[in-house]
Amino acid sequence: MKDSGVEVVVRSDILLAARLLAKMGSATVPIPRVNADMNVAIKRVYKEPEESNGTRILVDRLWPRGLTREKAKVDLWLKEIAPSNELRKWFAHDPKKWPEFQARYAQELKSHPVEFGALKQEAAKGLVTLLYAARDEEHNEAIILQKMLRGM
């Protein structure tokens, strides 16, 4: 969409815009600060969507099995921010590996500043709910992302 020669970026294109800025030679992509008290919720994507969820962001690499896009009501899918396939398979939701998984995932996120920046940008706007498909509600990437967004 153009307005007086200036291209307007639609909200769903935040990640694309950040990548374009990075390619235009900007050494860093401007990322808003996130307040420590910001309301960042987590929820299993299979649970019923609610108005109180705010912006619903899927943080899994794979689309949830058996769930339609209409039923999931996902506002933004940031699959690039999910753990790598190698890390995901290594972890296999084994609670014994949880401490090491957290450290490895945090390290992986350092190599995805644009994607994490897009997530921070959404979180800075208001309430967000990070969605995940894992059955284990105590050991999944959404918990780690929530802690990082809150600055813990």
Protein backbone atom coordinates (compact mmCIF):
# COMPACT_ATOMS: atom_id res chain seq x y z
CA MET A 1 0.00 0.00 0.00
CA LYS A 2 1.42 3.46 -0.89
CA ASP A 3 0.71 6.83 0.68
CA SER A 4 2.50 9.90 -0.76
CA GLY A 5 5.30 7.69 -2.05
CA VAL A 6 5.84 6.03 1.31
CA GLU A 7 5.14 2.34 1.62
CA VAL A 8 2.93 1.42 4.54
CA VAL A 9 3.78 -1.90 6.18
CA VAL A 10 0.80 -3.97 7.33
CA ARG A 11 1.02 -5.29 10.93
CA SER A 12 1.33 -8.91 9.81
CA ASP A 13 4.48 -8.01 7.89
CA ILE A 14 6.56 -7.00 10.93
CA LEU A 15 9.11 -9.75 10.42
CA LEU A 16 9.45 -8.96 6.72
CA ALA A 17 9.95 -5.28 7.50
CA ALA A 18 12.66 -6.06 10.04
CA ARG A 19 14.45 -8.25 7.51
CA LEU A 20 14.23 -5.52 4.87
CA LEU A 21 15.74 -3.01 7.30
CA ALA A 22 18.56 -5.42 8.02
CA LYS A 23 19.22 -5.96 4.29
CA MET A 24 19.24 -2.21 3.64
CA GLY A 25 22.53 -2.02 5.48
CA SER A 26 21.30 -1.17 8.93
CA ALA A 27 23.73 -2.88 11.29
CA THR A 28 21.02 -3.23 13.89
CA VAL A 29 17.27 -3.41 13.67
CA PRO A 30 15.51 -1.01 16.06
CA ILE A 31 13.80 -3.12 18.72
CA PRO A 32 11.46 -1.57 21.29
CA ARG A 33 12.10 -2.08 24.98
CA VAL A 34 9.80 -4.49 26.74
CA ASN A 35 8.66 -3.70 30.27
CA ALA A 36 9.46 -6.36 32.86
CA ASP A 37 5.86 -6.21 34.08
CA MET A 38 4.47 -6.69 30.58
CA ASN A 39 1.65 -9.17 30.32
CA VAL A 40 2.99 -12.06 28.26
CA ALA A 41 0.83 -15.14 28.62
CA ILE A 42 1.41 -18.67 27.38
CA LYS A 43 -1.24 -21.14 26.32
CA ARG A 44 -1.53 -24.45 24.56
CA VAL A 45 -2.79 -23.76 21.04
CA TYR A 46 -5.36 -26.54 21.33
CA LYS A 47 -7.17 -24.69 24.13
CA GLU A 48 -10.13 -22.53 23.17
CA PRO A 49 -9.17 -19.00 22.02
CA GLU A 50 -10.46 -16.17 24.19
CA GLU A 51 -10.80 -12.42 23.66
CA SER A 52 -8.56 -11.91 26.70
CA ASN A 53 -5.63 -13.59 24.87
CA GLY A 54 -4.65 -10.38 23.11
CA THR A 55 -2.41 -11.04 20.10
CA ARG A 56 -2.06 -14.80 19.66
CA ILE A 57 1.45 -15.74 18.46
CA LEU A 58 2.33 -19.32 17.54
CA VAL A 59 5.97 -20.02 18.45
CA ASP A 60 6.24 -23.60 17.14
CA ARG A 61 8.19 -24.54 14.02
CA LEU A 62 5.50 -26.96 12.85
CA TRP A 63 1.80 -26.19 12.47
CA PRO A 64 -0.22 -27.99 15.20
CA ARG A 65 -1.46 -31.38 14.05
CA GLY A 66 -5.18 -31.59 13.27
CA LEU A 67 -5.87 -27.90 13.90
CA THR A 68 -7.28 -25.60 11.23
CA ARG A 69 -6.16 -22.00 10.93
CA GLU A 70 -9.71 -20.86 11.61
CA LYS A 71 -9.98 -22.82 14.86
CA ALA A 72 -6.50 -21.84 16.07
CA LYS A 73 -7.13 -18.11 15.55
CA VAL A 74 -3.40 -17.39 15.31
CA ASP A 75 -2.61 -13.72 14.63
CA LEU A 76 1.08 -14.27 13.91
CA TRP A 77 3.17 -17.39 13.32
CA LEU A 78 6.86 -16.93 14.15
CA LYS A 79 8.13 -20.38 13.23
CA GLU A 80 11.68 -19.08 12.73
CA ILE A 81 11.91 -18.32 16.46
CA ALA A 82 11.14 -21.92 17.46
CA PRO A 83 13.92 -24.30 18.50
CA SER A 84 15.79 -25.86 15.60
CA ASN A 85 14.71 -29.30 14.45
CA GLU A 86 17.95 -30.73 15.85
CA LEU A 87 17.38 -29.20 19.28
CA ARG A 88 13.70 -30.13 19.31
CA LYS A 89 14.47 -33.78 18.48
CA TRP A 90 17.32 -33.91 21.02
CA PHE A 91 15.09 -32.57 23.80
CA ALA A 92 12.11 -34.82 22.98
CA HIS A 93 10.28 -33.21 25.95
CA ASP A 94 12.45 -35.11 28.44
CA PRO A 95 12.19 -33.16 31.73
CA LYS A 96 15.69 -34.36 32.66
CA LYS A 97 17.07 -32.41 29.69
CA TRP A 98 15.12 -29.23 30.53
CA PRO A 99 18.00 -27.21 32.09
CA GLU A 100 20.30 -27.96 29.14
CA PHE A 101 17.47 -27.33 26.64
CA GLN A 102 16.90 -23.87 28.13
CA ALA A 103 20.58 -22.98 27.75
CA ARG A 104 20.84 -24.32 24.20
CA TYR A 105 17.63 -22.62 23.09
CA ALA A 106 18.71 -19.29 24.58
CA GLN A 107 21.96 -19.66 22.62
CA GLU A 108 20.02 -20.39 19.40
CA LEU A 109 17.89 -17.30 19.91
CA LYS A 110 21.03 -15.14 19.84
CA SER A 111 21.43 -16.07 16.19
CA HIS A 112 17.87 -14.88 15.42
CA PRO A 113 17.82 -11.23 16.55
CA VAL A 114 15.41 -10.13 13.82
CA GLU A 115 12.84 -12.76 14.70
CA PHE A 116 13.15 -12.16 18.45
CA GLY A 117 12.92 -8.43 17.74
CA ALA A 118 9.63 -8.98 15.91
CA LEU A 119 8.31 -10.84 18.93
CA LYS A 120 9.46 -8.07 21.27
CA GLN A 121 7.81 -5.50 19.02
CA GLU A 122 4.48 -7.29 19.26
CA ALA A 123 4.83 -7.70 23.02
CA ALA A 124 5.59 -3.99 23.45
CA LYS A 125 2.23 -3.14 21.86
CA GLY A 126 0.19 -4.89 24.53
CA LEU A 127 -1.01 -8.26 25.73
CA VAL A 128 0.31 -11.24 23.79
CA THR A 129 -0.26 -14.95 24.25
CA LEU A 130 2.52 -17.26 23.11
CA LEU A 131 0.99 -20.44 21.71
CA TYR A 132 2.61 -23.87 21.67
CA ALA A 133 1.39 -27.37 20.79
CA ALA A 134 3.39 -29.51 23.25
CA ARG A 135 1.43 -31.57 25.75
CA ASP A 136 3.97 -30.73 28.44
CA GLU A 137 2.83 -27.41 29.87
CA GLU A 138 5.89 -27.04 32.12
CA HIS A 139 8.69 -27.74 29.63
CA ASN A 140 8.32 -25.94 26.28
CA GLU A 141 9.83 -23.05 24.34
CA ALA A 142 6.98 -20.65 25.15
CA ILE A 143 8.03 -20.66 28.81
CA ILE A 144 11.58 -19.68 27.86
CA LEU A 145 10.39 -16.95 25.50
CA GLN A 146 8.05 -15.58 28.17
CA LYS A 147 10.95 -15.37 30.66
CA MET A 148 13.17 -13.66 28.10
CA LEU A 149 10.50 -11.13 27.19
CA ARG A 150 9.97 -10.31 30.84
CA GLY A 151 13.72 -9.91 31.26
CA MET A 152 14.15 -12.72 33.77
